[in-house]
Amino acid sequence: MVNNKFKIIATIIGILGLADSVYLTILKLTSNESMCIKGVGDCWTVNSSIYSQIFGIPISAIGALAYLAFILAVLLEDRSEFFRIYSVYMMFGITLIGVLYSAYLTYLEIAIIRAVCPLCIFSALLMLTLFILTVSRLVSPQVETST
């Protein structure tokens, strides 16, 4: 049985990350500089850089898919034996890759692009939070509850 507290917190954080990533994807696809937060960082420079996409796919769209996959893993955990067994490992893999890639992107922002996107940093912090929650769940003993 999934810990309801974990499920609620992880889902809320996942939805925030999904919303942030979708917002950044819309910003990238529409080239709408006015969507950037004025006076806080330099969202436009980061999102118009060559590092903001891979093979023409916005990094933010890939992030949105990662958050969506994470949310689905959380929500499907109680639905089938497969997800009950493997969803926490899926969540761990998604967040590990997300944290490592976010660290790389943050390095690029600071060292190469020399501009910081607050919405990108927000996404990185959300992914790090999900990673910490998932790791703490992996290392804590699971208590079976009868229903």
C-alpha atoms as a PDB file:
ATOM      1  CA  MET A   1       0.000   0.000   0.000  1.00  0.00           C
ATOM      2  CA  VAL A   2       1.341   3.383  -0.961  1.00  0.00           C
ATOM      3  CA  ASN A   3       2.039   5.848   1.794  1.00  0.00           C
ATOM      4  CA  ASN A   4      -0.736   8.444   1.261  1.00  0.00           C
ATOM      5  CA  LYS A   5       1.427  11.298   2.559  1.00  0.00           C
ATOM      6  CA  PHE A   6       4.129  10.466  -0.008  1.00  0.00           C
ATOM      7  CA  LYS A   7       1.525  10.070  -2.735  1.00  0.00           C
ATOM      8  CA  ILE A   8      -0.087  13.460  -2.050  1.00  0.00           C
ATOM      9  CA  ILE A   9       3.167  15.395  -1.685  1.00  0.00           C
ATOM     10  CA  ALA A  10       4.827  13.724  -4.687  1.00  0.00           C
ATOM     11  CA  THR A  11       1.768  14.288  -6.879  1.00  0.00           C
ATOM     12  CA  ILE A  12       1.526  17.976  -5.936  1.00  0.00           C
ATOM     13  CA  ILE A  13       5.242  18.531  -6.597  1.00  0.00           C
ATOM     14  CA  GLY A  14       4.972  16.574  -9.853  1.00  0.00           C
ATOM     15  CA  ILE A  15       2.032  18.716 -10.997  1.00  0.00           C
ATOM     16  CA  LEU A  16       3.976  21.896 -10.172  1.00  0.00           C
ATOM     17  CA  GLY A  17       6.916  20.592 -12.206  1.00  0.00           C
ATOM     18  CA  LEU A  18       4.638  19.611 -15.083  1.00  0.00           C
ATOM     19  CA  ALA A  19       3.010  23.059 -15.101  1.00  0.00           C
ATOM     20  CA  ASP A  20       6.405  24.775 -15.014  1.00  0.00           C
ATOM     21  CA  SER A  21       7.724  22.611 -17.859  1.00  0.00           C
ATOM     22  CA  VAL A  22       4.621  23.134 -19.995  1.00  0.00           C
ATOM     23  CA  TYR A  23       4.915  26.897 -19.420  1.00  0.00           C
ATOM     24  CA  LEU A  24       8.560  26.825 -20.500  1.00  0.00           C
ATOM     25  CA  THR A  25       7.656  24.710 -23.541  1.00  0.00           C
ATOM     26  CA  ILE A  26       5.011  27.214 -24.597  1.00  0.00           C
ATOM     27  CA  LEU A  27       7.538  30.018 -24.093  1.00  0.00           C
ATOM     28  CA  LYS A  28      10.054  28.171 -26.272  1.00  0.00           C
ATOM     29  CA  LEU A  29       7.603  27.245 -29.040  1.00  0.00           C
ATOM     30  CA  THR A  30       5.967  30.681 -29.248  1.00  0.00           C
ATOM     31  CA  SER A  31       9.180  32.701 -28.752  1.00  0.00           C
ATOM     32  CA  ASN A  32       7.134  34.945 -26.481  1.00  0.00           C
ATOM     33  CA  GLU A  33       9.719  36.885 -24.494  1.00  0.00           C
ATOM     34  CA  SER A  34       6.960  38.600 -22.489  1.00  0.00           C
ATOM     35  CA  MET A  35       6.295  35.260 -20.728  1.00  0.00           C
ATOM     36  CA  CYS A  36       9.627  35.611 -18.904  1.00  0.00           C
ATOM     37  CA  ILE A  37       9.545  37.086 -15.420  1.00  0.00           C
ATOM     38  CA  LYS A  38      10.896  40.616 -15.718  1.00  0.00           C
ATOM     39  CA  GLY A  39      13.672  41.662 -13.357  1.00  0.00           C
ATOM     40  CA  VAL A  40      14.403  38.120 -12.113  1.00  0.00           C
ATOM     41  CA  GLY A  41      17.210  36.337 -13.883  1.00  0.00           C
ATOM     42  CA  ASP A  42      17.410  36.089 -17.651  1.00  0.00           C
ATOM     43  CA  CYS A  43      14.888  33.500 -18.743  1.00  0.00           C
ATOM     44  CA  TRP A  44      14.924  34.659 -22.374  1.00  0.00           C
ATOM     45  CA  THR A  45      18.666  34.212 -22.902  1.00  0.00           C
ATOM     46  CA  VAL A  46      18.569  30.701 -21.449  1.00  0.00           C
ATOM     47  CA  ASN A  47      15.476  29.614 -23.381  1.00  0.00           C
ATOM     48  CA  SER A  48      16.736  30.982 -26.681  1.00  0.00           C
ATOM     49  CA  SER A  49      20.193  29.416 -26.322  1.00  0.00           C
ATOM     50  CA  ILE A  50      21.385  26.409 -28.315  1.00  0.00           C
ATOM     51  CA  TYR A  51      21.248  24.391 -25.087  1.00  0.00           C
ATOM     52  CA  SER A  52      17.466  24.748 -24.746  1.00  0.00           C
ATOM     53  CA  GLN A  53      16.721  21.896 -27.157  1.00  0.00           C
ATOM     54  CA  ILE A  54      17.985  18.494 -28.264  1.00  0.00           C
ATOM     55  CA  PHE A  55      17.460  17.490 -31.902  1.00  0.00           C
ATOM     56  CA  GLY A  56      14.901  20.296 -32.180  1.00  0.00           C
ATOM     57  CA  ILE A  57      12.921  19.116 -29.132  1.00  0.00           C
ATOM     58  CA  PRO A  58      12.679  21.660 -26.302  1.00  0.00           C
ATOM     59  CA  ILE A  59      14.350  20.444 -23.107  1.00  0.00           C
ATOM     60  CA  SER A  60      11.275  21.699 -21.266  1.00  0.00           C
ATOM     61  CA  ALA A  61       9.042  19.317 -23.269  1.00  0.00           C
ATOM     62  CA  ILE A  62      11.283  16.416 -22.240  1.00  0.00           C
ATOM     63  CA  GLY A  63      10.993  17.659 -18.647  1.00  0.00           C
ATOM     64  CA  ALA A  64       7.203  17.764 -18.961  1.00  0.00           C
ATOM     65  CA  LEU A  65       7.224  14.130 -20.112  1.00  0.00           C
ATOM     66  CA  ALA A  66       9.448  13.195 -17.156  1.00  0.00           C
ATOM     67  CA  TYR A  67       7.095  14.875 -14.666  1.00  0.00           C
ATOM     68  CA  LEU A  68       4.097  13.229 -16.345  1.00  0.00           C
ATOM     69  CA  ALA A  69       5.757   9.794 -16.183  1.00  0.00           C
ATOM     70  CA  PHE A  70       6.564  10.377 -12.500  1.00  0.00           C
ATOM     71  CA  ILE A  71       2.966  11.377 -11.710  1.00  0.00           C
ATOM     72  CA  LEU A  72       1.635   8.322 -13.539  1.00  0.00           C
ATOM     73  CA  ALA A  73       4.024   6.028 -11.643  1.00  0.00           C
ATOM     74  CA  VAL A  74       2.741   7.467  -8.353  1.00  0.00           C
ATOM     75  CA  LEU A  75      -0.926   7.267  -9.303  1.00  0.00           C
ATOM     76  CA  LEU A  76      -0.740   3.783 -10.830  1.00  0.00           C
ATOM     77  CA  GLU A  77       1.132   2.226  -7.920  1.00  0.00           C
ATOM     78  CA  ASP A  78      -2.035   0.969  -6.232  1.00  0.00           C
ATOM     79  CA  ARG A  79      -3.643  -0.122  -9.505  1.00  0.00           C
ATOM     80  CA  SER A  80      -1.664  -3.206 -10.506  1.00  0.00           C
ATOM     81  CA  GLU A  81       0.877  -5.688  -9.198  1.00  0.00           C
ATOM     82  CA  PHE A  82       3.431  -4.528 -11.794  1.00  0.00           C
ATOM     83  CA  PHE A  83       3.285  -0.901 -10.637  1.00  0.00           C
ATOM     84  CA  ARG A  84       3.149  -1.912  -6.963  1.00  0.00           C
ATOM     85  CA  ILE A  85       6.482  -3.684  -7.425  1.00  0.00           C
ATOM     86  CA  TYR A  86       8.266  -1.425  -9.911  1.00  0.00           C
ATOM     87  CA  SER A  87       6.874   2.097  -9.661  1.00  0.00           C
ATOM     88  CA  VAL A  88       9.261   3.247  -6.932  1.00  0.00           C
ATOM     89  CA  TYR A  89      12.170   2.121  -9.114  1.00  0.00           C
ATOM     90  CA  MET A  90      10.654   3.976 -12.067  1.00  0.00           C
ATOM     91  CA  MET A  91      10.329   7.083  -9.900  1.00  0.00           C
ATOM     92  CA  PHE A  92      13.932   6.691  -8.772  1.00  0.00           C
ATOM     93  CA  GLY A  93      15.196   6.375 -12.354  1.00  0.00           C
ATOM     94  CA  ILE A  94      13.172   9.337 -13.603  1.00  0.00           C
ATOM     95  CA  THR A  95      14.276  11.605 -10.781  1.00  0.00           C
ATOM     96  CA  LEU A  96      17.919  10.474 -10.852  1.00  0.00           C
ATOM     97  CA  ILE A  97      18.196  11.272 -14.558  1.00  0.00           C
ATOM     98  CA  GLY A  98      16.236  14.493 -13.986  1.00  0.00           C
ATOM     99  CA  VAL A  99      18.520  15.660 -11.177  1.00  0.00           C
ATOM    100  CA  LEU A 100      21.710  14.830 -13.068  1.00  0.00           C
ATOM    101  CA  TYR A 101      20.522  16.561 -16.225  1.00  0.00           C
ATOM    102  CA  SER A 102      19.222  19.547 -14.233  1.00  0.00           C
ATOM    103  CA  ALA A 103      22.643  19.872 -12.595  1.00  0.00           C
ATOM    104  CA  TYR A 104      24.247  19.852 -16.046  1.00  0.00           C
ATOM    105  CA  LEU A 105      21.804  22.489 -17.321  1.00  0.00           C
ATOM    106  CA  THR A 106      22.376  24.657 -14.243  1.00  0.00           C
ATOM    107  CA  TYR A 107      26.124  24.423 -14.864  1.00  0.00           C
ATOM    108  CA  LEU A 108      25.532  25.527 -18.481  1.00  0.00           C
ATOM    109  CA  GLU A 109      23.428  28.462 -17.281  1.00  0.00           C
ATOM    110  CA  ILE A 110      26.087  29.687 -14.876  1.00  0.00           C
ATOM    111  CA  ALA A 111      29.355  28.839 -16.650  1.00  0.00           C
ATOM    112  CA  ILE A 112      28.564  28.902 -20.371  1.00  0.00           C
ATOM    113  CA  ILE A 113      25.385  30.907 -21.043  1.00  0.00           C
ATOM    114  CA  ARG A 114      26.056  33.269 -18.127  1.00  0.00           C
ATOM    115  CA  ALA A 115      22.360  33.758 -17.506  1.00  0.00           C
ATOM    116  CA  VAL A 116      19.980  32.087 -15.082  1.00  0.00           C
ATOM    117  CA  CYS A 117      16.349  31.192 -15.758  1.00  0.00           C
ATOM    118  CA  PRO A 118      14.375  31.230 -12.492  1.00  0.00           C
ATOM    119  CA  LEU A 119      11.729  28.900 -13.940  1.00  0.00           C
ATOM    120  CA  CYS A 120      14.451  26.407 -14.893  1.00  0.00           C
ATOM    121  CA  ILE A 121      15.954  26.596 -11.395  1.00  0.00           C
ATOM    122  CA  PHE A 122      12.470  26.069  -9.944  1.00  0.00           C
ATOM    123  CA  SER A 123      12.090  22.918 -12.047  1.00  0.00           C
ATOM    124  CA  ALA A 124      15.524  21.681 -10.959  1.00  0.00           C
ATOM    125  CA  LEU A 125      14.596  22.195  -7.290  1.00  0.00           C
ATOM    126  CA  LEU A 126      11.285  20.384  -7.757  1.00  0.00           C
ATOM    127  CA  MET A 127      13.054  17.434  -9.410  1.00  0.00           C
ATOM    128  CA  LEU A 128      15.629  17.382  -6.594  1.00  0.00           C
ATOM    129  CA  THR A 129      12.806  17.341  -4.033  1.00  0.00           C
ATOM    130  CA  LEU A 130      11.126  14.427  -5.824  1.00  0.00           C
ATOM    131  CA  PHE A 131      14.474  12.611  -5.920  1.00  0.00           C
ATOM    132  CA  ILE A 132      14.981  13.065  -2.164  1.00  0.00           C
ATOM    133  CA  LEU A 133      11.417  11.916  -1.438  1.00  0.00           C
ATOM    134  CA  THR A 134      11.867   8.855  -3.646  1.00  0.00           C
ATOM    135  CA  VAL A 135      15.228   7.914  -2.136  1.00  0.00           C
ATOM    136  CA  SER A 136      13.851   8.312   1.383  1.00  0.00           C
ATOM    137  CA  ARG A 137      11.002   6.032   0.412  1.00  0.00           C
ATOM    138  CA  LEU A 138      13.389   3.472  -1.055  1.00  0.00           C
ATOM    139  CA  VAL A 139      15.566   3.302   2.042  1.00  0.00           C
ATOM    140  CA  SER A 140      12.780   3.348   4.624  1.00  0.00           C
ATOM    141  CA  PRO A 141      11.227   0.050   5.617  1.00  0.00           C
ATOM    142  CA  GLN A 142       7.847  -0.517   4.010  1.00  0.00           C
ATOM    143  CA  VAL A 143       5.066  -1.156   6.497  1.00  0.00           C
ATOM    144  CA  GLU A 144       2.308  -3.359   5.144  1.00  0.00           C
ATOM    145  CA  THR A 145      -1.162  -2.299   6.148  1.00  0.00           C
ATOM    146  CA  SER A 146      -4.199  -4.469   5.905  1.00  0.00           C
ATOM    147  CA  THR A 147      -7.338  -3.126   4.277  1.00  0.00           C
END
